[in-house]
Amino acid sequence: MRTLYVCRHAKSSWADGSISDHDRPLNERGSRDAPLMAREFRARKEHVDLLVSSTALRAITTAQAFAHELGYDPGSIHQSTALYHADVPTLMQVITGLPGNASSVMLFGHNPGLTYLLDHLTDAGVDNLPTCGLVRIDMEIDDWQAVSRSIGTQRWYDHPKRHAGHG
């Protein structure tokens, strides 16, 4: 079995219009939500073998919050330029190229691609993956190369607004 966790980056800042989209940082809410969701994930006591993130600052910062909370070396996060605003075919290429020794992987990326990916892999019907939203998908496969349409089962879906005190 393979487990894929899909996490949209936390809320980013639009305060400085001179910053490129790729280099936008998290805003205040995003800076709270990323560690919150990382703590919530750690509380589930689920294991992740590999963290893979878009190279965009807001995505890698979100991934770093998870790495910190989970005790992973932030330098071990695999950064992929392909995940930056990726469409479903590109996301599927990234997934099928994941290393075989990683049975559970967490991807950090962007909408609308991640929401479309969830629709592609499962029949759970997530309309919109919110910022810092996180989904677990289980797939009855032995190798990432076997990933295909509607192969996964969404086990759970979480997002910051579900937790008390968010705001």
Protein backbone atom coordinates (compact mmCIF):
# COMPACT_ATOMS: atom_id res chain seq x y z
CA MET A 1 0.00 0.00 0.00
CA ARG A 2 1.04 3.61 -0.68
CA THR A 3 -0.16 6.66 1.23
CA LEU A 4 -0.17 10.12 -0.30
CA TYR A 5 -0.74 13.21 1.83
CA VAL A 6 -1.67 16.27 -0.19
CA CYS A 7 -1.16 19.66 1.48
CA ARG A 8 -1.86 23.04 -0.05
CA HIS A 9 0.53 25.75 1.11
CA ALA A 10 -0.61 27.99 3.97
CA LYS A 11 -2.06 31.45 3.31
CA SER A 12 0.38 33.75 1.54
CA SER A 13 0.89 37.48 1.64
CA TRP A 14 -0.05 39.85 -1.15
CA ALA A 15 1.18 42.89 0.82
CA ASP A 16 4.17 43.62 -1.42
CA GLY A 17 3.16 43.81 -5.07
CA SER A 18 6.80 43.97 -6.16
CA ILE A 19 7.48 40.39 -5.01
CA SER A 20 7.13 37.70 -7.66
CA ASP A 21 4.40 35.11 -7.20
CA HIS A 22 7.04 32.42 -6.67
CA ASP A 23 8.65 34.41 -3.84
CA ARG A 24 5.53 35.42 -1.88
CA PRO A 25 5.93 34.62 1.84
CA LEU A 26 3.26 33.39 4.22
CA ASN A 27 1.08 36.04 5.79
CA GLU A 28 0.30 36.19 9.52
CA ARG A 29 -2.53 33.65 9.26
CA GLY A 30 -0.39 31.31 7.17
CA SER A 31 2.42 31.58 9.69
CA ARG A 32 -0.03 30.39 12.38
CA ASP A 33 -1.81 27.76 10.29
CA ALA A 34 1.24 25.85 9.04
CA PRO A 35 2.54 24.96 12.54
CA LEU A 36 -1.06 24.32 13.72
CA MET A 37 -1.71 21.81 10.96
CA ALA A 38 1.71 20.23 11.48
CA ARG A 39 0.87 19.72 15.17
CA GLU A 40 -2.53 18.28 14.24
CA PHE A 41 -0.86 15.91 11.81
CA ARG A 42 1.75 14.83 14.39
CA ALA A 43 -1.10 14.12 16.85
CA ARG A 44 -2.46 11.57 14.37
CA LYS A 45 0.75 9.56 14.88
CA GLU A 46 1.05 8.80 11.18
CA HIS A 47 4.43 8.32 9.54
CA VAL A 48 5.71 10.09 6.43
CA ASP A 49 8.80 8.82 4.62
CA LEU A 50 9.32 11.80 2.33
CA LEU A 51 8.28 15.46 2.13
CA VAL A 52 8.13 16.88 -1.41
CA SER A 53 7.44 20.58 -1.97
CA SER A 54 7.01 23.10 -4.72
CA THR A 55 9.94 25.49 -4.81
CA ALA A 56 7.64 28.47 -4.18
CA LEU A 57 8.50 30.18 -0.89
CA ARG A 58 4.97 29.76 0.55
CA ALA A 59 5.00 26.00 -0.15
CA ILE A 60 8.51 25.32 1.12
CA THR A 61 7.83 27.38 4.27
CA THR A 62 4.72 25.26 4.92
CA ALA A 63 6.75 22.07 4.35
CA GLN A 64 9.43 23.34 6.74
CA ALA A 65 6.80 23.82 9.47
CA PHE A 66 5.80 20.17 9.05
CA ALA A 67 9.44 19.04 8.99
CA HIS A 68 10.13 20.94 12.21
CA GLU A 69 7.09 19.50 13.99
CA LEU A 70 7.79 15.95 12.79
CA GLY A 71 11.49 16.03 13.64
CA TYR A 72 12.67 15.89 10.03
CA ASP A 73 15.72 17.78 8.82
CA PRO A 74 14.29 20.70 6.78
CA GLY A 75 17.20 20.16 4.41
CA SER A 76 15.83 16.72 3.56
CA ILE A 77 12.66 18.18 1.98
CA HIS A 78 12.76 17.35 -1.71
CA GLN A 79 12.04 20.53 -3.68
CA SER A 80 10.46 20.16 -7.10
CA THR A 81 10.06 23.02 -9.58
CA ALA A 82 7.50 20.81 -11.37
CA LEU A 83 5.08 21.22 -8.43
CA TYR A 84 4.87 25.01 -8.85
CA HIS A 85 1.33 25.57 -10.18
CA ALA A 86 1.31 22.04 -11.61
CA ASP A 87 -1.65 20.60 -13.49
CA VAL A 88 -2.86 17.03 -12.99
CA PRO A 89 -0.67 15.41 -15.68
CA THR A 90 2.42 17.07 -14.17
CA LEU A 91 1.40 16.08 -10.63
CA MET A 92 0.88 12.50 -11.81
CA GLN A 93 4.38 12.52 -13.35
CA VAL A 94 5.82 13.68 -10.02
CA ILE A 95 3.90 10.98 -8.14
CA THR A 96 4.82 8.14 -10.50
CA GLY A 97 8.45 9.24 -10.18
CA LEU A 98 8.51 9.02 -6.38
CA PRO A 99 11.14 6.66 -4.96
CA GLY A 100 10.01 3.11 -4.33
CA ASN A 101 11.42 3.07 -0.80
CA ALA A 102 9.01 5.86 0.25
CA SER A 103 5.65 4.23 0.97
CA SER A 104 4.16 7.42 2.42
CA VAL A 105 4.78 10.85 0.90
CA MET A 106 3.48 14.33 1.65
CA LEU A 107 3.22 16.74 -1.29
CA PHE A 108 3.10 20.52 -0.73
CA GLY A 109 1.77 22.55 -3.63
CA HIS A 110 -0.86 24.83 -5.08
CA ASN A 111 -4.43 25.11 -6.26
CA PRO A 112 -6.18 24.54 -8.53
CA GLY A 113 -3.92 21.60 -9.37
CA LEU A 114 -4.10 19.92 -5.97
CA THR A 115 -7.91 20.04 -5.85
CA TYR A 116 -8.04 18.60 -9.37
CA LEU A 117 -5.56 15.90 -8.31
CA LEU A 118 -7.82 14.90 -5.41
CA ASP A 119 -10.73 14.58 -7.84
CA HIS A 120 -8.51 12.56 -10.19
CA LEU A 121 -7.28 10.10 -7.56
CA THR A 122 -10.44 9.66 -5.48
CA ASP A 123 -14.20 10.02 -5.68
CA ALA A 124 -14.35 11.99 -2.42
CA GLY A 125 -15.60 15.17 -4.09
CA VAL A 126 -13.40 17.84 -2.48
CA ASP A 127 -14.61 21.06 -4.14
CA ASN A 128 -11.68 23.20 -3.03
CA LEU A 129 -8.63 22.35 -0.96
CA PRO A 130 -8.26 25.43 1.28
CA THR A 131 -4.93 26.93 2.25
CA CYS A 132 -3.06 24.53 4.53
CA GLY A 133 -5.74 21.91 3.86
CA LEU A 134 -4.44 18.35 4.17
CA VAL A 135 -5.83 15.11 2.76
CA ARG A 136 -4.75 11.49 3.23
CA ILE A 137 -5.20 9.17 0.27
CA ASP A 138 -4.54 5.43 0.56
CA MET A 139 -3.81 3.45 -2.58
CA GLU A 140 -3.72 -0.34 -2.83
CA ILE A 141 -0.58 -0.40 -4.98
CA ASP A 142 2.96 -1.64 -4.43
CA ASP A 143 4.75 0.97 -6.51
CA TRP A 144 4.14 4.67 -7.23
CA GLN A 145 4.34 3.94 -10.96
CA ALA A 146 1.01 2.11 -10.64
CA VAL A 147 -0.87 5.29 -9.65
CA SER A 148 -3.82 5.92 -11.94
CA ARG A 149 -7.19 7.62 -12.04
CA SER A 150 -9.66 6.85 -9.21
CA ILE A 151 -7.27 4.45 -7.54
CA GLY A 152 -7.24 6.09 -4.12
CA THR A 153 -9.45 6.21 -1.07
CA GLN A 154 -9.60 9.43 0.88
CA ARG A 155 -9.10 8.47 4.54
CA TRP A 156 -9.42 11.93 6.02
CA TYR A 157 -9.48 15.62 5.17
CA ASP A 158 -8.47 18.40 7.55
CA HIS A 159 -8.00 22.16 7.37
CA PRO A 160 -7.22 25.00 9.79
CA LYS A 161 -10.78 26.30 10.21
CA ARG A 162 -11.82 22.97 11.77
CA HIS A 163 -9.69 23.72 14.82
CA ALA A 164 -10.88 25.87 17.71
CA GLY A 165 -9.29 29.24 18.12
CA HIS A 166 -8.58 29.70 14.43
CA GLY A 167 -9.08 33.17 13.26
